[in-house]
Amino acid sequence: MATSNTPAVHATPEVVVPAISGRQVLPWLLLLALVAVIAVYFVGAEQGATSLFSGTAIHEWTHDGRHLLGFPCH
C-alpha cells in the first residue's frame, strides 16, 4: 500500500456577486414601504375616527402589536 506525502489540492470555486442596479431594487423598496405603511396603519390607527372597518376585530387582532410598538390603545 503506497501513500503519498503530497497534500491534496482542492480548487475553491470563485463566488461571483451579481451587480444589482437601483432600478431593479426600487420597485421592491416601494412595495416594502407600502406594506409597512399599511401595517403601521392597522396596528396604530385602525380605531375611532379613522376606522375603515366597524367593530373591534382589527383592534383585538393587533392589540399586542400596539403595545409592542408603543401605541396607546386603552
C-alpha atoms as a PDB file:
ATOM      1  CA  MET A   1       0.000   0.000   0.000  1.00  0.00           C
ATOM      2  CA  ALA A   2       1.607   3.194  -1.177  1.00  0.00           C
ATOM      3  CA  THR A   3       0.843   6.534   0.433  1.00  0.00           C
ATOM      4  CA  SER A   4       1.644   9.913  -0.956  1.00  0.00           C
ATOM      5  CA  ASN A   5       3.178  12.625   1.172  1.00  0.00           C
ATOM      6  CA  THR A   6       1.915  15.405  -1.100  1.00  0.00           C
ATOM      7  CA  PRO A   7      -1.048  17.352   0.248  1.00  0.00           C
ATOM      8  CA  ALA A   8      -4.320  17.179  -1.642  1.00  0.00           C
ATOM      9  CA  VAL A   9      -5.121  20.323  -3.569  1.00  0.00           C
ATOM     10  CA  HIS A  10      -8.765  21.310  -3.741  1.00  0.00           C
ATOM     11  CA  ALA A  11      -9.877  24.081  -6.022  1.00  0.00           C
ATOM     12  CA  THR A  12     -12.252  26.523  -4.383  1.00  0.00           C
ATOM     13  CA  PRO A  13     -14.961  27.893  -6.640  1.00  0.00           C
ATOM     14  CA  GLU A  14     -14.953  31.612  -7.241  1.00  0.00           C
ATOM     15  CA  VAL A  15     -18.028  33.377  -5.873  1.00  0.00           C
ATOM     16  CA  VAL A  16     -19.490  35.901  -8.272  1.00  0.00           C
ATOM     17  CA  VAL A  17     -21.801  38.516  -6.769  1.00  0.00           C
ATOM     18  CA  PRO A  18     -24.142  39.977  -9.377  1.00  0.00           C
ATOM     19  CA  ALA A  19     -24.426  43.740  -9.612  1.00  0.00           C
ATOM     20  CA  ILE A  20     -27.915  44.999  -8.779  1.00  0.00           C
ATOM     21  CA  SER A  21     -28.889  48.415 -10.042  1.00  0.00           C
ATOM     22  CA  GLY A  22     -31.102  50.895  -8.256  1.00  0.00           C
ATOM     23  CA  ARG A  23     -33.782  50.453 -10.918  1.00  0.00           C
ATOM     24  CA  GLN A  24     -34.040  46.771 -10.017  1.00  0.00           C
ATOM     25  CA  VAL A  25     -34.300  47.454  -6.279  1.00  0.00           C
ATOM     26  CA  LEU A  26     -36.660  50.455  -6.393  1.00  0.00           C
ATOM     27  CA  PRO A  27     -39.929  48.534  -7.057  1.00  0.00           C
ATOM     28  CA  TRP A  28     -39.198  46.172  -4.158  1.00  0.00           C
ATOM     29  CA  LEU A  29     -38.424  49.085  -1.839  1.00  0.00           C
ATOM     30  CA  LEU A  30     -41.676  50.807  -2.825  1.00  0.00           C
ATOM     31  CA  LEU A  31     -43.651  47.614  -2.209  1.00  0.00           C
ATOM     32  CA  LEU A  32     -41.976  47.145   1.172  1.00  0.00           C
ATOM     33  CA  ALA A  33     -42.710  50.770   2.110  1.00  0.00           C
ATOM     34  CA  LEU A  34     -46.372  50.379   1.116  1.00  0.00           C
ATOM     35  CA  VAL A  35     -46.741  47.188   3.158  1.00  0.00           C
ATOM     36  CA  ALA A  36     -45.043  48.878   6.135  1.00  0.00           C
ATOM     37  CA  VAL A  37     -47.371  51.895   5.956  1.00  0.00           C
ATOM     38  CA  ILE A  38     -50.428  49.629   5.772  1.00  0.00           C
ATOM     39  CA  ALA A  39     -49.160  47.568   8.729  1.00  0.00           C
ATOM     40  CA  VAL A  40     -48.499  50.689  10.827  1.00  0.00           C
ATOM     41  CA  TYR A  41     -51.979  51.994   9.985  1.00  0.00           C
ATOM     42  CA  PHE A  42     -53.698  48.791  11.083  1.00  0.00           C
ATOM     43  CA  VAL A  43     -51.587  48.448  14.207  1.00  0.00           C
ATOM     44  CA  GLY A  44     -51.633  52.092  15.219  1.00  0.00           C
ATOM     45  CA  ALA A  45     -54.670  53.864  13.837  1.00  0.00           C
ATOM     46  CA  GLU A  46     -57.406  51.374  12.979  1.00  0.00           C
ATOM     47  CA  GLN A  47     -59.899  52.512  15.574  1.00  0.00           C
ATOM     48  CA  GLY A  48     -62.018  55.531  16.280  1.00  0.00           C
ATOM     49  CA  ALA A  49     -62.486  58.293  13.705  1.00  0.00           C
ATOM     50  CA  THR A  50     -60.073  56.809  11.151  1.00  0.00           C
ATOM     51  CA  SER A  51     -61.539  53.319  11.295  1.00  0.00           C
ATOM     52  CA  LEU A  52     -62.087  51.631   7.925  1.00  0.00           C
ATOM     53  CA  PHE A  53     -63.881  48.638   9.441  1.00  0.00           C
ATOM     54  CA  SER A  54     -66.645  48.694  12.012  1.00  0.00           C
ATOM     55  CA  GLY A  55     -66.304  46.798  15.246  1.00  0.00           C
ATOM     56  CA  THR A  56     -63.262  45.936  17.313  1.00  0.00           C
ATOM     57  CA  ALA A  57     -61.934  42.885  15.429  1.00  0.00           C
ATOM     58  CA  ILE A  58     -58.901  44.656  13.913  1.00  0.00           C
ATOM     59  CA  HIS A  59     -58.128  46.263  17.284  1.00  0.00           C
ATOM     60  CA  GLU A  60     -58.182  42.888  19.027  1.00  0.00           C
ATOM     61  CA  TRP A  61     -56.046  41.181  16.356  1.00  0.00           C
ATOM     62  CA  THR A  62     -53.350  43.864  16.569  1.00  0.00           C
ATOM     63  CA  HIS A  63     -53.631  44.599  20.303  1.00  0.00           C
ATOM     64  CA  ASP A  64     -50.262  43.163  21.339  1.00  0.00           C
ATOM     65  CA  GLY A  65     -48.543  44.810  18.380  1.00  0.00           C
ATOM     66  CA  ARG A  66     -49.865  48.153  19.566  1.00  0.00           C
ATOM     67  CA  HIS A  67     -48.231  47.717  22.968  1.00  0.00           C
ATOM     68  CA  LEU A  68     -45.000  46.411  21.412  1.00  0.00           C
ATOM     69  CA  LEU A  69     -44.696  49.485  19.179  1.00  0.00           C
ATOM     70  CA  GLY A  70     -45.745  51.909  21.939  1.00  0.00           C
ATOM     71  CA  PHE A  71     -49.175  52.920  20.607  1.00  0.00           C
ATOM     72  CA  PRO A  72     -51.702  53.697  23.344  1.00  0.00           C
ATOM     73  CA  CYS A  73     -54.961  51.847  22.950  1.00  0.00           C
ATOM     74  CA  HIS A  74     -56.665  51.934  26.360  1.00  0.00           C
END
